[in-house]
Amino acid sequence: MHLAIAHTWLTEGTYDKEYVATHVVGFEKFKDYVLGEEDGVPKTPKWASDKCGVPQRTIKALARYWATHVISTAHGNGGSMIRGPYGTEAARLEVCLLGCRGWGSLALTPSE
């Protein structure tokens, strides 16, 4: 769902372009992956809906709301979210979204 939110922001132009240009490292690689230019699979709300069970209209609505409001995100002690293979991906992608909206920074290595 995080990737689909990013896809919505990228295709609708609602990410913080100035912040990304001045504070974010690795954005082009992230953008290429989200838009499917890297692997041929755009991470659309439809794509995410099939994987996470959240309707694509809900994903789009959340992305659009987040793009126009100040949002806080939090995880209480990581919970079960971090106790499995790829368990940290949700937190990593959350940081990517925060970078797209002008909070924090997005640091991707070439291998990611």
C-alpha atoms as a PDB file:
ATOM      1  CA  MET A   1       0.000   0.000   0.000  1.00  0.00           C
ATOM      2  CA  HIS A   2       2.914   2.366   0.700  1.00  0.00           C
ATOM      3  CA  LEU A   3       4.130   1.970  -2.871  1.00  0.00           C
ATOM      4  CA  ALA A   4       0.650   2.657  -4.246  1.00  0.00           C
ATOM      5  CA  ILE A   5       0.425   5.835  -2.178  1.00  0.00           C
ATOM      6  CA  ALA A   6       3.763   6.921  -3.648  1.00  0.00           C
ATOM      7  CA  HIS A   7       2.495   5.992  -7.138  1.00  0.00           C
ATOM      8  CA  THR A   8      -0.542   8.225  -6.653  1.00  0.00           C
ATOM      9  CA  TRP A   9       1.618  11.144  -5.515  1.00  0.00           C
ATOM     10  CA  LEU A  10       4.063  10.693  -8.383  1.00  0.00           C
ATOM     11  CA  THR A  11       1.431  10.412 -11.101  1.00  0.00           C
ATOM     12  CA  GLU A  12      -0.677  13.245  -9.677  1.00  0.00           C
ATOM     13  CA  GLY A  13       2.343  15.432  -8.916  1.00  0.00           C
ATOM     14  CA  THR A  14       1.417  15.892  -5.252  1.00  0.00           C
ATOM     15  CA  TYR A  15       4.766  14.968  -3.712  1.00  0.00           C
ATOM     16  CA  ASP A  16       6.948  17.800  -2.391  1.00  0.00           C
ATOM     17  CA  LYS A  17       9.133  18.410  -5.438  1.00  0.00           C
ATOM     18  CA  GLU A  18      11.200  21.188  -3.841  1.00  0.00           C
ATOM     19  CA  TYR A  19      11.996  19.141  -0.737  1.00  0.00           C
ATOM     20  CA  VAL A  20      12.836  16.090  -2.823  1.00  0.00           C
ATOM     21  CA  ALA A  21      15.143  18.150  -5.056  1.00  0.00           C
ATOM     22  CA  THR A  22      17.037  19.639  -2.117  1.00  0.00           C
ATOM     23  CA  HIS A  23      16.980  16.965   0.595  1.00  0.00           C
ATOM     24  CA  VAL A  24      16.360  13.504  -0.850  1.00  0.00           C
ATOM     25  CA  VAL A  25      18.990  11.043  -2.051  1.00  0.00           C
ATOM     26  CA  GLY A  26      18.058   8.173  -4.377  1.00  0.00           C
ATOM     27  CA  PHE A  27      14.677   9.541  -5.406  1.00  0.00           C
ATOM     28  CA  GLU A  28      15.025   8.772  -9.124  1.00  0.00           C
ATOM     29  CA  LYS A  29      15.680   5.082  -8.424  1.00  0.00           C
ATOM     30  CA  PHE A  30      12.699   4.953  -6.028  1.00  0.00           C
ATOM     31  CA  LYS A  31      10.515   6.737  -8.600  1.00  0.00           C
ATOM     32  CA  ASP A  32      11.583   4.339 -11.366  1.00  0.00           C
ATOM     33  CA  TYR A  33      10.668   1.370  -9.171  1.00  0.00           C
ATOM     34  CA  VAL A  34       7.292   2.800  -8.117  1.00  0.00           C
ATOM     35  CA  LEU A  35       6.326   3.713 -11.680  1.00  0.00           C
ATOM     36  CA  GLY A  36       7.398   0.281 -12.953  1.00  0.00           C
ATOM     37  CA  GLU A  37      10.229   1.561 -15.116  1.00  0.00           C
ATOM     38  CA  GLU A  38      12.700  -0.692 -13.315  1.00  0.00           C
ATOM     39  CA  ASP A  39      10.769  -3.973 -13.363  1.00  0.00           C
ATOM     40  CA  GLY A  40       7.793  -3.387 -15.680  1.00  0.00           C
ATOM     41  CA  VAL A  41       5.294  -3.488 -12.797  1.00  0.00           C
ATOM     42  CA  PRO A  42       3.784  -0.103 -11.870  1.00  0.00           C
ATOM     43  CA  LYS A  43       2.892  -0.074  -8.173  1.00  0.00           C
ATOM     44  CA  THR A  44      -0.615   1.281  -8.771  1.00  0.00           C
ATOM     45  CA  PRO A  45      -3.476   1.291  -6.262  1.00  0.00           C
ATOM     46  CA  LYS A  46      -4.975  -1.622  -8.255  1.00  0.00           C
ATOM     47  CA  TRP A  47      -1.723  -3.582  -7.911  1.00  0.00           C
ATOM     48  CA  ALA A  48      -1.631  -2.913  -4.154  1.00  0.00           C
ATOM     49  CA  SER A  49      -5.318  -3.661  -3.665  1.00  0.00           C
ATOM     50  CA  ASP A  50      -4.852  -7.153  -5.043  1.00  0.00           C
ATOM     51  CA  LYS A  51      -2.006  -7.722  -2.545  1.00  0.00           C
ATOM     52  CA  CYS A  52      -3.280  -6.071   0.639  1.00  0.00           C
ATOM     53  CA  GLY A  53      -7.061  -6.294   0.321  1.00  0.00           C
ATOM     54  CA  VAL A  54      -7.635  -2.545   0.694  1.00  0.00           C
ATOM     55  CA  PRO A  55      -9.865  -1.208  -2.101  1.00  0.00           C
ATOM     56  CA  GLN A  56      -7.988   0.916  -4.613  1.00  0.00           C
ATOM     57  CA  ARG A  57     -10.409   3.809  -4.081  1.00  0.00           C
ATOM     58  CA  THR A  58      -9.469   3.787  -0.372  1.00  0.00           C
ATOM     59  CA  ILE A  59      -5.748   3.796  -1.194  1.00  0.00           C
ATOM     60  CA  LYS A  60      -6.235   6.736  -3.570  1.00  0.00           C
ATOM     61  CA  ALA A  61      -8.346   8.615  -1.015  1.00  0.00           C
ATOM     62  CA  LEU A  62      -5.701   8.081   1.677  1.00  0.00           C
ATOM     63  CA  ALA A  63      -2.929   9.232  -0.670  1.00  0.00           C
ATOM     64  CA  ARG A  64      -4.851  12.344  -1.645  1.00  0.00           C
ATOM     65  CA  TYR A  65      -5.723  13.154   1.957  1.00  0.00           C
ATOM     66  CA  TRP A  66      -2.116  12.661   3.071  1.00  0.00           C
ATOM     67  CA  ALA A  67      -0.925  14.883   0.207  1.00  0.00           C
ATOM     68  CA  THR A  68      -2.981  17.815   1.503  1.00  0.00           C
ATOM     69  CA  HIS A  69      -2.745  17.427   5.293  1.00  0.00           C
ATOM     70  CA  VAL A  70      -0.061  17.230   7.965  1.00  0.00           C
ATOM     71  CA  ILE A  71       0.111  13.568   8.965  1.00  0.00           C
ATOM     72  CA  SER A  72       1.860  11.755  11.799  1.00  0.00           C
ATOM     73  CA  THR A  73       2.820   8.116  11.681  1.00  0.00           C
ATOM     74  CA  ALA A  74       3.884   5.906  14.567  1.00  0.00           C
ATOM     75  CA  HIS A  75       4.616   2.303  15.431  1.00  0.00           C
ATOM     76  CA  GLY A  76       4.412   1.091  19.007  1.00  0.00           C
ATOM     77  CA  ASN A  77       7.626  -0.865  19.629  1.00  0.00           C
ATOM     78  CA  GLY A  78       7.526  -2.265  16.100  1.00  0.00           C
ATOM     79  CA  GLY A  79       5.048  -4.943  17.127  1.00  0.00           C
ATOM     80  CA  SER A  80       4.625  -8.027  15.002  1.00  0.00           C
ATOM     81  CA  MET A  81       5.358  -5.910  11.948  1.00  0.00           C
ATOM     82  CA  ILE A  82       9.117  -6.422  12.312  1.00  0.00           C
ATOM     83  CA  ARG A  83       9.200 -10.089  13.260  1.00  0.00           C
ATOM     84  CA  GLY A  84       9.403 -11.891   9.959  1.00  0.00           C
ATOM     85  CA  PRO A  85      11.068 -11.932   6.555  1.00  0.00           C
ATOM     86  CA  TYR A  86      11.011  -8.449   5.044  1.00  0.00           C
ATOM     87  CA  GLY A  87       9.291  -7.247   8.218  1.00  0.00           C
ATOM     88  CA  THR A  88      11.114  -3.941   8.154  1.00  0.00           C
ATOM     89  CA  GLU A  89       9.952  -3.033   4.640  1.00  0.00           C
ATOM     90  CA  ALA A  90       6.823  -1.262   5.869  1.00  0.00           C
ATOM     91  CA  ALA A  91       8.864   1.026   8.116  1.00  0.00           C
ATOM     92  CA  ARG A  92      11.434   1.642   5.369  1.00  0.00           C
ATOM     93  CA  LEU A  93       8.708   2.535   2.883  1.00  0.00           C
ATOM     94  CA  GLU A  94       7.063   4.778   5.454  1.00  0.00           C
ATOM     95  CA  VAL A  95      10.308   6.756   5.607  1.00  0.00           C
ATOM     96  CA  CYS A  96      10.266   6.986   1.802  1.00  0.00           C
ATOM     97  CA  LEU A  97       6.750   8.432   1.948  1.00  0.00           C
ATOM     98  CA  LEU A  98       7.798  10.933   4.608  1.00  0.00           C
ATOM     99  CA  GLY A  99      10.652  12.016   2.322  1.00  0.00           C
ATOM    100  CA  CYS A 100       8.217  12.474  -0.558  1.00  0.00           C
ATOM    101  CA  ARG A 101       6.069  14.720   1.590  1.00  0.00           C
ATOM    102  CA  GLY A 102       8.930  16.839   2.895  1.00  0.00           C
ATOM    103  CA  TRP A 103       9.754  15.250   6.257  1.00  0.00           C
ATOM    104  CA  GLY A 104      12.990  13.411   6.942  1.00  0.00           C
ATOM    105  CA  SER A 105      15.163  12.129   4.147  1.00  0.00           C
ATOM    106  CA  LEU A 106      15.115   9.289   1.673  1.00  0.00           C
ATOM    107  CA  ALA A 107      18.389   7.414   1.510  1.00  0.00           C
ATOM    108  CA  LEU A 108      18.540   4.458  -0.847  1.00  0.00           C
ATOM    109  CA  THR A 109      21.635   2.514  -1.696  1.00  0.00           C
ATOM    110  CA  PRO A 110      22.315   1.404  -5.277  1.00  0.00           C
ATOM    111  CA  SER A 111      21.495  -2.207  -4.359  1.00  0.00           C
ATOM    112  CA  GLU A 112      17.976  -1.296  -3.242  1.00  0.00           C
END
